[in-house]
Amino acid sequence: MKWLAPMFCLCALAACSGKPPAPESQPAAASTARVATPWDNMKKDEQRARDVQKAADQQAEKQRQAMEAAQQ
């Protein structure tokens, strides 16, 4: 507890030093950073399901074509 008072004084002195804060090196990157939402995983799952359905449809079409070719 004895270190609390000196630490507070140091923080107060640092805050009142009169120096302007350093500018951010990349403010544009911070503003364009994407925040994850609860729906991101759901959207990824939806896209994965669409991709699987597309692959299944392509495979079914190949099978249908092979069956038609075998009947002729």
Protein backbone atom coordinates (compact mmCIF):
# COMPACT_ATOMS: atom_id res chain seq x y z
CA MET A 1 0.00 0.00 0.00
CA LYS A 2 2.98 2.30 0.55
CA TRP A 3 3.76 2.26 -3.17
CA LEU A 4 0.28 3.48 -4.11
CA ALA A 5 0.82 7.17 -3.23
CA PRO A 6 4.13 7.54 -5.13
CA MET A 7 2.67 5.71 -8.11
CA PHE A 8 -0.31 8.07 -8.14
CA CYS A 9 2.02 11.08 -8.02
CA LEU A 10 4.08 9.75 -10.92
CA CYS A 11 0.97 9.17 -13.00
CA ALA A 12 -0.33 12.65 -12.21
CA LEU A 13 3.01 14.22 -13.14
CA ALA A 14 3.16 12.27 -16.37
CA ALA A 15 -0.34 13.36 -17.29
CA CYS A 16 0.49 17.02 -16.65
CA SER A 17 3.84 17.04 -18.45
CA GLY A 18 2.57 19.47 -21.11
CA LYS A 19 3.72 17.33 -24.00
CA PRO A 20 1.09 16.67 -26.65
CA PRO A 21 0.16 13.04 -27.10
CA ALA A 22 1.99 11.17 -29.83
CA PRO A 23 -0.04 10.88 -33.03
CA GLU A 24 -1.25 7.45 -33.99
CA SER A 25 0.89 5.91 -36.69
CA GLN A 26 -2.03 4.37 -38.62
CA PRO A 27 -5.37 5.98 -37.79
CA ALA A 28 -6.95 4.70 -41.03
CA ALA A 29 -6.19 1.10 -40.13
CA ALA A 30 -7.90 1.48 -36.77
CA SER A 31 -11.03 2.94 -38.32
CA THR A 32 -11.30 0.20 -40.96
CA ALA A 33 -10.69 -2.66 -38.58
CA ARG A 34 -13.60 -5.07 -38.67
CA VAL A 35 -15.18 -6.07 -35.41
CA ALA A 36 -16.39 -9.64 -35.21
CA THR A 37 -20.12 -10.02 -34.74
CA PRO A 38 -22.14 -12.94 -33.41
CA TRP A 39 -23.44 -13.54 -36.92
CA ASP A 40 -20.02 -14.00 -38.56
CA ASN A 41 -19.84 -17.69 -37.68
CA MET A 42 -23.41 -18.21 -38.85
CA LYS A 43 -22.60 -16.57 -42.20
CA LYS A 44 -19.51 -18.76 -42.56
CA ASP A 45 -21.62 -21.86 -41.88
CA GLU A 46 -24.19 -20.70 -44.46
CA GLN A 47 -21.49 -20.23 -47.09
CA ARG A 48 -20.01 -23.63 -46.28
CA ALA A 49 -23.47 -25.20 -46.67
CA ARG A 50 -23.91 -23.47 -50.05
CA ASP A 51 -20.53 -24.77 -51.18
CA VAL A 52 -21.39 -28.32 -50.09
CA GLN A 53 -24.76 -28.12 -51.86
CA LYS A 54 -23.08 -26.87 -55.02
CA ALA A 55 -20.59 -29.75 -54.94
CA ALA A 56 -23.42 -32.26 -54.37
CA ASP A 57 -25.42 -30.79 -57.27
CA GLN A 58 -22.40 -31.01 -59.57
CA GLN A 59 -21.80 -34.63 -58.59
CA ALA A 60 -25.49 -35.47 -59.14
CA GLU A 61 -25.37 -33.87 -62.60
CA LYS A 62 -22.27 -35.92 -63.51
CA GLN A 63 -24.03 -39.08 -62.33
CA ARG A 64 -27.16 -38.21 -64.32
CA GLN A 65 -25.09 -37.63 -67.45
CA ALA A 66 -23.26 -40.92 -66.96
CA MET A 67 -26.54 -42.79 -66.55
CA GLU A 68 -27.95 -41.20 -69.72
CA ALA A 69 -24.81 -42.07 -71.63
CA ALA A 70 -25.00 -45.67 -70.41
CA GLN A 71 -28.65 -46.00 -71.54
CA GLN A 72 -27.91 -44.95 -75.11
